[in-house]
PDB file of all heavy atoms in Angstrom:
ATOM      1  N   MET A   1      -5.530   0.526   0.595  1.00  0.00           N
ATOM      2  CA  MET A   1      -5.796  -0.696   1.302  1.00  0.00           C
ATOM      3  C   MET A   1      -5.267  -0.765   2.759  1.00  0.00           C
ATOM      4  O   MET A   1      -5.841  -1.148   3.729  1.00  0.00           O
ATOM      5  CB  MET A   1      -5.265  -1.887   0.499  1.00  0.00           C
ATOM      6  CG  MET A   1      -5.473  -3.261   1.249  1.00  0.00           C
ATOM      7  SD  MET A   1      -7.287  -3.690   1.586  1.00  0.00           S
ATOM      8  CE  MET A   1      -7.808  -4.052  -0.018  1.00  0.00           C
ATOM      9  N   GLY A   2      -4.012  -0.209   2.910  1.00  0.00           N
ATOM     10  CA  GLY A   2      -3.426  -0.248   4.206  1.00  0.00           C
ATOM     11  C   GLY A   2      -1.928   0.156   4.196  1.00  0.00           C
ATOM     12  O   GLY A   2      -1.410   0.408   3.166  1.00  0.00           O
ATOM     13  N   VAL A   3      -1.357   0.217   5.388  1.00  0.00           N
ATOM     14  CA  VAL A   3       0.016   0.653   5.520  1.00  0.00           C
ATOM     15  C   VAL A   3       0.753  -0.327   6.417  1.00  0.00           C
ATOM     16  O   VAL A   3       0.236  -0.709   7.515  1.00  0.00           O
ATOM     17  CB  VAL A   3       0.078   2.054   6.090  1.00  0.00           C
ATOM     18  CG1 VAL A   3       1.546   2.480   6.242  1.00  0.00           C
ATOM     19  CG2 VAL A   3      -0.625   3.070   5.208  1.00  0.00           C
ATOM     20  N   ASP A   4       1.904  -0.773   6.033  1.00  0.00           N
ATOM     21  CA  ASP A   4       2.754  -1.565   6.861  1.00  0.00           C
ATOM     22  C   ASP A   4       3.338  -0.696   8.020  1.00  0.00           C
ATOM     23  O   ASP A   4       4.049   0.227   7.731  1.00  0.00           O
ATOM     24  CB  ASP A   4       3.859  -2.181   6.064  1.00  0.00           C
ATOM     25  CG  ASP A   4       4.722  -3.212   6.833  1.00  0.00           C
ATOM     26  OD1 ASP A   4       5.086  -2.933   7.986  1.00  0.00           O
ATOM     27  OD2 ASP A   4       5.140  -4.281   6.264  1.00  0.00           O
ATOM     28  N   ILE A   5       2.871  -1.046   9.232  1.00  0.00           N
ATOM     29  CA  ILE A   5       3.269  -0.080  10.308  1.00  0.00           C
ATOM     30  C   ILE A   5       4.802  -0.261  10.706  1.00  0.00           C
ATOM     31  O   ILE A   5       5.300   0.607  11.566  1.00  0.00           O
ATOM     32  CB  ILE A   5       2.382  -0.364  11.513  1.00  0.00           C
ATOM     33  CG1 ILE A   5       2.521  -1.695  12.055  1.00  0.00           C
ATOM     34  CG2 ILE A   5       0.922   0.047  11.161  1.00  0.00           C
ATOM     35  CD1 ILE A   5       1.779  -1.908  13.452  1.00  0.00           C
ATOM     36  N   GLU A   6       5.497  -1.218  10.183  1.00  0.00           N
ATOM     37  CA  GLU A   6       6.906  -1.350  10.436  1.00  0.00           C
ATOM     38  C   GLU A   6       7.745  -0.600   9.375  1.00  0.00           C
ATOM     39  O   GLU A   6       8.675  -0.023   9.750  1.00  0.00           O
ATOM     40  CB  GLU A   6       7.258  -2.860  10.457  1.00  0.00           C
ATOM     41  CG  GLU A   6       6.583  -3.685  11.518  1.00  0.00           C
ATOM     42  CD  GLU A   6       6.826  -3.148  12.947  1.00  0.00           C
ATOM     43  OE1 GLU A   6       7.941  -2.637  13.200  1.00  0.00           O
ATOM     44  OE2 GLU A   6       5.921  -3.327  13.759  1.00  0.00           O
ATOM     45  N   THR A   7       7.383  -0.727   8.146  1.00  0.00           N
ATOM     46  CA  THR A   7       8.044  -0.087   7.074  1.00  0.00           C
ATOM     47  C   THR A   7       7.537   1.239   6.613  1.00  0.00           C
ATOM     48  O   THR A   7       8.217   2.010   5.903  1.00  0.00           O
ATOM     49  CB  THR A   7       8.202  -1.016   5.860  1.00  0.00           C
ATOM     50  OG1 THR A   7       6.885  -1.174   5.266  1.00  0.00           O
ATOM     51  CG2 THR A   7       8.760  -2.410   6.217  1.00  0.00           C
ATOM     52  N   PHE A   8       6.258   1.521   7.066  1.00  0.00           N
ATOM     53  CA  PHE A   8       5.525   2.738   6.702  1.00  0.00           C
ATOM     54  C   PHE A   8       5.085   2.745   5.182  1.00  0.00           C
ATOM     55  O   PHE A   8       4.723   3.754   4.680  1.00  0.00           O
ATOM     56  CB  PHE A   8       6.278   4.000   7.009  1.00  0.00           C
ATOM     57  CG  PHE A   8       6.892   4.043   8.394  1.00  0.00           C
ATOM     58  CD1 PHE A   8       8.169   4.595   8.579  1.00  0.00           C
ATOM     59  CD2 PHE A   8       6.259   3.518   9.433  1.00  0.00           C
ATOM     60  CE1 PHE A   8       8.745   4.537   9.797  1.00  0.00           C
ATOM     61  CE2 PHE A   8       6.836   3.484  10.758  1.00  0.00           C
ATOM     62  CZ  PHE A   8       8.068   4.102  10.940  1.00  0.00           C
ATOM     63  N   GLU A   9       5.214   1.552   4.540  1.00  0.00           N
ATOM     64  CA  GLU A   9       4.914   1.531   3.087  1.00  0.00           C
ATOM     65  C   GLU A   9       3.512   1.116   2.865  1.00  0.00           C
ATOM     66  O   GLU A   9       3.055   0.107   3.454  1.00  0.00           O
ATOM     67  CB  GLU A   9       5.773   0.507   2.397  1.00  0.00           C
ATOM     68  CG  GLU A   9       7.294   0.888   2.441  1.00  0.00           C
ATOM     69  CD  GLU A   9       8.188  -0.205   1.806  1.00  0.00           C
ATOM     70  OE1 GLU A   9       7.640  -1.170   1.328  1.00  0.00           O
ATOM     71  OE2 GLU A   9       9.386  -0.099   1.944  1.00  0.00           O
ATOM     72  N   PRO A  10       2.740   1.962   2.058  1.00  0.00           N
ATOM     73  CA  PRO A  10       1.357   1.513   1.800  1.00  0.00           C
ATOM     74  C   PRO A  10       1.363   0.268   0.894  1.00  0.00           C
ATOM     75  O   PRO A  10       2.369  -0.064   0.179  1.00  0.00           O
ATOM     76  CB  PRO A  10       0.849   2.769   1.035  1.00  0.00           C
ATOM     77  CG  PRO A  10       1.729   3.882   1.303  1.00  0.00           C
ATOM     78  CD  PRO A  10       3.034   3.150   1.455  1.00  0.00           C
ATOM     79  N   ALA A  11       0.190  -0.403   0.875  1.00  0.00           N
ATOM     80  CA  ALA A  11       0.072  -1.616   0.105  1.00  0.00           C
ATOM     81  C   ALA A  11      -0.891  -1.357  -1.116  1.00  0.00           C
ATOM     82  O   ALA A  11      -1.828  -0.556  -1.014  1.00  0.00           O
ATOM     83  CB  ALA A  11      -0.508  -2.742   0.930  1.00  0.00           C
ATOM     84  N   PRO A  12      -0.492  -2.027  -2.219  1.00  0.00           N
ATOM     85  CA  PRO A  12       0.720  -2.847  -2.519  1.00  0.00           C
ATOM     86  C   PRO A  12       1.898  -1.978  -2.696  1.00  0.00           C
ATOM     87  O   PRO A  12       1.883  -0.875  -3.293  1.00  0.00           O
ATOM     88  CB  PRO A  12       0.361  -3.493  -3.775  1.00  0.00           C
ATOM     89  CG  PRO A  12      -0.632  -2.581  -4.503  1.00  0.00           C
ATOM     90  CD  PRO A  12      -1.386  -1.973  -3.388  1.00  0.00           C
ATOM     91  N   SER A  13       3.038  -2.380  -2.147  1.00  0.00           N
ATOM     92  CA  SER A  13       4.253  -1.585  -2.190  1.00  0.00           C
ATOM     93  C   SER A  13       5.037  -1.926  -3.460  1.00  0.00           C
ATOM     94  O   SER A  13       5.409  -3.070  -3.665  1.00  0.00           O
ATOM     95  CB  SER A  13       5.114  -1.914  -0.953  1.00  0.00           C
ATOM     96  OG  SER A  13       6.369  -1.270  -1.004  1.00  0.00           O
ATOM     97  N   VAL A  14       5.269  -0.996  -4.242  1.00  0.00           N
ATOM     98  CA  VAL A  14       5.984  -1.116  -5.489  1.00  0.00           C
ATOM     99  C   VAL A  14       7.339  -0.365  -5.265  1.00  0.00           C
ATOM    100  O   VAL A  14       7.420   0.863  -5.384  1.00  0.00           O
ATOM    101  CB  VAL A  14       5.267  -0.505  -6.708  1.00  0.00           C
ATOM    102  CG1 VAL A  14       6.060  -0.674  -8.024  1.00  0.00           C
ATOM    103  CG2 VAL A  14       3.883  -1.137  -6.904  1.00  0.00           C
ATOM    104  N   ALA A  15       8.395  -1.152  -4.981  1.00  0.00           N
ATOM    105  CA  ALA A  15       9.692  -0.584  -4.613  1.00  0.00           C
ATOM    106  C   ALA A  15       9.651   0.557  -3.587  1.00  0.00           C
ATOM    107  O   ALA A  15      10.316   1.522  -3.669  1.00  0.00           O
ATOM    108  CB  ALA A  15      10.385  -0.163  -5.884  1.00  0.00           C
ATOM    109  N   GLY A  16       8.750   0.267  -2.614  1.00  0.00           N
ATOM    110  CA  GLY A  16       8.645   1.238  -1.458  1.00  0.00           C
ATOM    111  C   GLY A  16       7.560   2.279  -1.612  1.00  0.00           C
ATOM    112  O   GLY A  16       7.302   3.036  -0.657  1.00  0.00           O
ATOM    113  N   TYR A  17       6.868   2.340  -2.754  1.00  0.00           N
ATOM    114  CA  TYR A  17       5.867   3.369  -2.960  1.00  0.00           C
ATOM    115  C   TYR A  17       4.517   2.667  -3.438  1.00  0.00           C
ATOM    116  O   TYR A  17       4.537   1.530  -3.873  1.00  0.00           O
ATOM    117  CB  TYR A  17       6.264   4.359  -4.028  1.00  0.00           C
ATOM    118  CG  TYR A  17       7.508   5.141  -3.565  1.00  0.00           C
ATOM    119  CD1 TYR A  17       8.753   4.698  -3.743  1.00  0.00           C
ATOM    120  CD2 TYR A  17       7.292   6.414  -2.971  1.00  0.00           C
ATOM    121  CE1 TYR A  17       9.886   5.519  -3.341  1.00  0.00           C
ATOM    122  CE2 TYR A  17       8.363   7.268  -2.571  1.00  0.00           C
ATOM    123  CZ  TYR A  17       9.697   6.694  -2.826  1.00  0.00           C
ATOM    124  OH  TYR A  17      10.732   7.475  -2.395  1.00  0.00           O
ATOM    125  N   SER A  18       3.446   3.362  -3.324  1.00  0.00           N
ATOM    126  CA  SER A  18       2.217   2.899  -3.751  1.00  0.00           C
ATOM    127  C   SER A  18       1.355   4.031  -4.211  1.00  0.00           C
ATOM    128  O   SER A  18       1.795   5.242  -4.329  1.00  0.00           O
ATOM    129  CB  SER A  18       1.489   2.130  -2.626  1.00  0.00           C
ATOM    130  OG  SER A  18       0.343   1.375  -3.170  1.00  0.00           O
ATOM    131  N   THR A  19       0.086   3.779  -4.560  1.00  0.00           N
ATOM    132  CA  THR A  19      -0.815   4.808  -4.994  1.00  0.00           C
ATOM    133  C   THR A  19      -2.229   4.319  -4.642  1.00  0.00           C
ATOM    134  O   THR A  19      -2.467   3.192  -4.151  1.00  0.00           O
ATOM    135  CB  THR A  19      -0.683   4.902  -6.519  1.00  0.00           C
ATOM    136  OG1 THR A  19      -1.404   6.137  -6.909  1.00  0.00           O
ATOM    137  CG2 THR A  19      -1.156   3.751  -7.314  1.00  0.00           C
ATOM    138  N   TYR A  20      -3.205   5.141  -4.897  1.00  0.00           N
ATOM    139  CA  TYR A  20      -4.637   4.857  -4.620  1.00  0.00           C
ATOM    140  C   TYR A  20      -5.075   3.829  -5.681  1.00  0.00           C
ATOM    141  O   TYR A  20      -4.766   3.936  -6.885  1.00  0.00           O
ATOM    142  CB  TYR A  20      -5.482   6.079  -4.610  1.00  0.00           C
ATOM    143  CG  TYR A  20      -5.043   7.146  -3.645  1.00  0.00           C
ATOM    144  CD1 TYR A  20      -4.535   8.375  -4.064  1.00  0.00           C
ATOM    145  CD2 TYR A  20      -5.025   6.891  -2.261  1.00  0.00           C
ATOM    146  CE1 TYR A  20      -4.069   9.285  -3.171  1.00  0.00           C
ATOM    147  CE2 TYR A  20      -4.605   7.828  -1.392  1.00  0.00           C
ATOM    148  CZ  TYR A  20      -4.103   9.048  -1.819  1.00  0.00           C
ATOM    149  OH  TYR A  20      -3.667   9.942  -0.908  1.00  0.00           O
ATOM    150  N   GLY A  21      -5.838   2.851  -5.224  1.00  0.00           N
ATOM    151  CA  GLY A  21      -6.227   1.790  -6.164  1.00  0.00           C
ATOM    152  C   GLY A  21      -7.708   1.569  -6.144  1.00  0.00           C
ATOM    153  O   GLY A  21      -8.492   2.385  -5.581  1.00  0.00           O
ATOM    154  N   GLY A  22      -8.167   0.496  -6.784  1.00  0.00           N
ATOM    155  CA  GLY A  22      -9.590   0.204  -6.916  1.00  0.00           C
ATOM    156  C   GLY A  22      -9.916  -0.933  -5.935  1.00  0.00           C
ATOM    157  O   GLY A  22      -9.433  -2.024  -5.946  1.00  0.00           O
ATOM    158  N   TYR A  23     -10.938  -0.666  -5.040  1.00  0.00           N
ATOM    159  CA  TYR A  23     -11.344  -1.520  -3.953  1.00  0.00           C
ATOM    160  C   TYR A  23     -12.598  -2.314  -4.496  1.00  0.00           C
ATOM    161  O   TYR A  23     -13.521  -1.768  -4.993  1.00  0.00           O
ATOM    162  CB  TYR A  23     -11.695  -0.678  -2.744  1.00  0.00           C
ATOM    163  CG  TYR A  23     -12.075  -1.486  -1.559  1.00  0.00           C
ATOM    164  CD1 TYR A  23     -11.196  -2.503  -0.999  1.00  0.00           C
ATOM    165  CD2 TYR A  23     -13.267  -1.269  -0.836  1.00  0.00           C
ATOM    166  CE1 TYR A  23     -11.459  -3.092   0.121  1.00  0.00           C
ATOM    167  CE2 TYR A  23     -13.570  -1.902   0.319  1.00  0.00           C
ATOM    168  CZ  TYR A  23     -12.688  -2.810   0.795  1.00  0.00           C
ATOM    169  OH  TYR A  23     -13.037  -3.594   1.944  1.00  0.00           O
ATOM    170  N   SER A  24     -12.509  -3.672  -4.335  1.00  0.00           N
ATOM    171  CA  SER A  24     -13.604  -4.586  -4.753  1.00  0.00           C
ATOM    172  C   SER A  24     -13.759  -5.670  -3.707  1.00  0.00           C
ATOM    173  O   SER A  24     -13.145  -5.597  -2.600  1.00  0.00           O
ATOM    174  CB  SER A  24     -13.231  -5.201  -6.113  1.00  0.00           C
ATOM    175  OG  SER A  24     -12.049  -5.920  -6.032  1.00  0.00           O
ATOM    176  N   GLY A  25     -14.574  -6.685  -4.023  1.00  0.00           N
ATOM    177  CA  GLY A  25     -14.796  -7.720  -3.022  1.00  0.00           C
ATOM    178  C   GLY A  25     -16.028  -7.491  -2.213  1.00  0.00           C
ATOM    179  O   GLY A  25     -16.782  -6.588  -2.334  1.00  0.00           O
TER     180      GLY A  25
END
């Protein structure tokens, strides 16, 4: 989905880490 350009954490951030997810909408 995206990356927080201040913390460098991808969204959704789970304790600083993320993974590839399912895109809908």
